[in-house]
């Protein structure tokens, strides 16, 4: 990806995806980034995080009183850092209102398919999964 905008001139977003990974440890105290995320969330229809991106959402104050998940190795970190968040340890994707959080890397595919279903219907999401040769996350498995 090559960005064509900066955080300073970012237009209104329909969907915000906050990625995770080792890099968030460097950014968890970045007040400018956290304020930017919080500002985008105020206007975005859908907010998503993959893996430890949930830590940035939590640090920006966006998970307070909500349910969320993250990578299995960071579930304890999420719970300890944000005691007012209900950490769902057995779910790949958790939706609480307009905020979707997912477990580690591959759970991001489940999250993406659920966002497709939200915007364009489950039939298209299932078709997309089929085209990718990926098993669609059934309701009882995704437990959102």
Protein backbone atom coordinates (compact mmCIF):
# COMPACT_ATOMS: atom_id res chain seq x y z
CA UNK A 1 0.00 0.00 0.00
CA UNK A 2 1.13 3.48 -0.77
CA UNK A 3 -0.78 6.14 1.18
CA UNK A 4 -2.03 9.18 -0.68
CA UNK A 5 -3.01 11.15 2.40
CA UNK A 6 -1.55 11.91 5.80
CA UNK A 7 -3.13 11.76 9.22
CA UNK A 8 -3.44 15.55 9.05
CA UNK A 9 -5.56 15.57 5.89
CA UNK A 10 -7.29 12.20 6.20
CA UNK A 11 -10.87 12.39 4.90
CA UNK A 12 -13.86 11.02 6.77
CA UNK A 13 -13.66 7.22 6.91
CA UNK A 14 -16.47 4.72 6.57
CA UNK A 15 -14.31 1.91 7.95
CA UNK A 16 -11.29 2.23 10.19
CA UNK A 17 -8.97 -0.78 10.47
CA UNK A 18 -6.44 -0.65 13.29
CA UNK A 19 -3.82 -3.33 12.65
CA UNK A 20 -1.84 -5.05 15.36
CA UNK A 21 1.53 -6.72 15.58
CA UNK A 22 4.76 -5.89 17.34
CA UNK A 23 4.69 -2.31 16.06
CA UNK A 24 1.85 -1.30 18.35
CA UNK A 25 4.12 -1.67 21.36
CA UNK A 26 6.09 1.27 20.02
CA UNK A 27 2.90 3.29 19.40
CA UNK A 28 0.85 2.47 22.52
CA UNK A 29 2.04 5.71 24.16
CA UNK A 30 1.77 7.84 21.01
CA UNK A 31 -0.83 10.38 22.16
CA UNK A 32 -1.07 11.95 18.70
CA UNK A 33 -1.90 8.59 17.10
CA UNK A 34 -4.38 7.69 19.86
CA UNK A 35 -6.15 11.05 19.48
CA UNK A 36 -6.28 10.52 15.71
CA UNK A 37 -7.82 7.07 16.17
CA UNK A 38 -10.39 8.45 18.63
CA UNK A 39 -11.30 11.25 16.21
CA UNK A 40 -11.74 8.83 13.31
CA UNK A 41 -13.89 6.51 15.43
CA UNK A 42 -16.25 9.39 16.20
CA UNK A 43 -17.09 9.64 12.49
CA UNK A 44 -16.56 6.11 11.10
CA UNK A 45 -19.51 3.78 10.60
CA UNK A 46 -17.39 0.70 11.36
CA UNK A 47 -14.25 0.35 13.47
CA UNK A 48 -12.16 -2.80 13.30
CA UNK A 49 -8.97 -4.09 14.82
CA UNK A 50 -6.94 -7.16 14.07
CA UNK A 51 -4.74 -8.83 16.66
CA UNK A 52 -3.21 -6.39 19.15
CA UNK A 53 -4.75 -3.43 17.35
CA UNK A 54 -7.36 -3.81 20.11
CA UNK A 55 -4.74 -2.48 22.51
CA UNK A 56 -4.67 0.81 20.58
CA UNK A 57 -8.46 0.97 20.62
CA UNK A 58 -8.38 0.35 24.36
CA UNK A 59 -5.69 2.93 24.97
CA UNK A 60 -7.70 5.46 22.95
CA UNK A 61 -10.61 4.83 25.36
CA UNK A 62 -12.81 3.16 22.76
CA UNK A 63 -13.36 -0.24 24.38
CA UNK A 64 -14.54 0.96 27.77
CA UNK A 65 -17.58 -1.05 28.84
CA UNK A 66 -17.42 -3.17 25.69
CA UNK A 67 -16.58 -6.75 24.75
CA UNK A 68 -13.40 -7.34 22.73
CA UNK A 69 -10.75 -9.88 21.81
CA UNK A 70 -7.16 -9.93 20.61
CA UNK A 71 -4.35 -12.37 19.83
CA UNK A 72 -4.37 -15.28 22.29
CA UNK A 73 -0.92 -14.34 23.62
CA UNK A 74 -2.19 -10.84 24.47
CA UNK A 75 -5.56 -11.66 26.06
CA UNK A 76 -4.09 -11.22 29.55
CA UNK A 77 -2.43 -7.94 28.55
CA UNK A 78 -5.77 -6.62 27.25
CA UNK A 79 -7.61 -7.71 30.41
CA UNK A 80 -4.97 -6.27 32.76
CA UNK A 81 -4.65 -3.01 30.86
CA UNK A 82 -8.39 -2.37 30.54
CA UNK A 83 -10.31 -3.97 33.43
CA UNK A 84 -13.58 -2.40 32.25
CA UNK A 85 -13.41 -4.37 28.98
CA UNK A 86 -14.98 -7.83 28.85
CA UNK A 87 -12.25 -9.85 27.15
CA UNK A 88 -13.70 -12.70 25.13
CA UNK A 89 -11.02 -15.40 25.18
CA UNK A 90 -12.74 -18.00 23.03
CA UNK A 91 -13.93 -15.92 20.10
CA UNK A 92 -12.11 -15.14 16.89
CA UNK A 93 -14.25 -12.08 16.22
CA UNK A 94 -16.21 -9.96 18.65
CA UNK A 95 -18.66 -7.30 17.58
CA UNK A 96 -19.87 -4.78 20.10
CA UNK A 97 -21.94 -2.12 18.39
CA UNK A 98 -19.94 -0.71 15.51
CA UNK A 99 -16.61 -2.01 16.84
CA UNK A 100 -15.27 -5.34 15.62
CA UNK A 101 -12.14 -6.82 17.20
CA UNK A 102 -10.46 -10.03 16.09
CA UNK A 103 -7.90 -12.43 17.39
CA UNK A 104 -4.58 -12.97 15.61
CA UNK A 105 -3.68 -12.59 11.98
CA UNK A 106 -5.88 -15.20 10.28
CA UNK A 107 -8.90 -14.17 12.37
CA UNK A 108 -8.70 -10.94 10.40
CA UNK A 109 -10.10 -12.88 7.44
CA UNK A 110 -13.16 -13.84 9.51
CA UNK A 111 -13.49 -10.20 10.56
CA UNK A 112 -13.24 -8.98 6.96
CA UNK A 113 -15.91 -11.43 5.80
CA UNK A 114 -18.24 -10.30 8.58
CA UNK A 115 -17.72 -6.66 7.58
CA UNK A 116 -18.49 -7.60 3.97
CA UNK A 117 -21.67 -9.31 5.23
CA UNK A 118 -22.56 -6.19 7.24
CA UNK A 119 -22.18 -3.86 4.25
CA UNK A 120 -23.21 -6.05 1.31
CA UNK A 121 -25.08 -9.04 2.73
CA UNK A 122 -24.20 -12.53 3.81
CA UNK A 123 -24.65 -14.00 0.32
CA UNK A 124 -21.78 -11.89 -1.04
CA UNK A 125 -19.63 -12.64 2.02
CA UNK A 126 -20.20 -16.38 1.55
CA UNK A 127 -19.45 -16.09 -2.16
CA UNK A 128 -16.24 -14.22 -1.37
CA UNK A 129 -15.18 -16.91 1.10
CA UNK A 130 -15.96 -19.61 -1.46
CA UNK A 131 -13.90 -17.80 -4.11
CA UNK A 132 -10.99 -17.59 -1.65
CA UNK A 133 -11.42 -21.28 -0.81
CA UNK A 134 -11.96 -20.20 2.78
CA UNK A 135 -14.57 -21.64 5.13
CA UNK A 136 -17.15 -19.00 6.02
CA UNK A 137 -17.36 -18.40 9.78
CA UNK A 138 -20.71 -19.81 10.85
CA UNK A 139 -22.72 -17.93 13.47
CA UNK A 140 -22.17 -20.51 16.21
CA UNK A 141 -18.42 -20.44 15.55
CA UNK A 142 -17.94 -16.70 15.37
CA UNK A 143 -20.26 -16.00 18.32
CA UNK A 144 -20.32 -12.28 17.76
